[in-house]
Amino acid sequence: MMELHSGFAAARQSERFHPLLLVGGYVLDFLVIHPFSDGNGRMSRLLTLLLLYQSGYGVGRFISLEQLIAETKETYYEALAVSTSGWHQDEQDLRPWLTYLLGVLIGAYGRFEDRVRAIGAKGSKTEAVKRFIRSTIADEFTIEDIRIATGHVVSNELIRRVLKELRDRGFIVTLERGRHARYRRISTDF
């Protein structure tokens, strides 16, 4: 694992390879190394999210990559099997795994676009904010999360007004105030 971490860090710092290639390679190696007796798949998906966030790919904040992988489980295992064949002899083929992983990301961005389009097409901006709060995967969110999810068409002032209304009605709570205010959804019954 130390060799994997240091190799990944050096490759990322060199900027010689695209970050998505590095993330895919890291996750594949992690899965083959299998450092834990249980939970390697879940950990690999968490690592994927972390490395994608660090590389500027934040779609996992709004669309569940875990769900997309679960929906394509058979293809996941096929790509993993093909790409890990020959790994111990340094003769693996990363392409099937990368093709799968990039397909999941393309699917996630497609779902995100559909969600943004639906928000823009249906109802008022107030309803778009409420729809985001009801449907976001994470229970915690920020005003910036709402702005991104609504395609930057809703003003901070309107978002704050909706948040205040929902907070006063007990549907959300404020976790942090000020410039980096964070909120937690308590209920979706609004």
Foldseek 3Di string as FASTA:
>chain_A
DVVLVVVLVVCVVVVPDQLLLSLLVSLLVQVVVVPDPDDSVVVSLVSSQVSCVVNPNNLCQAFPLVVLCVVVVVLQVVLSVQQCVCVVVVPGDSVSSSVVVVVSSVVSVVVLVVQLVVLVPDDDVLVSLLVSCLRGPAQKDWLVVSCVSNVVPDDSVSNVVSVVVCVVVPQKDWPDDDPGTMIGGDDSPD
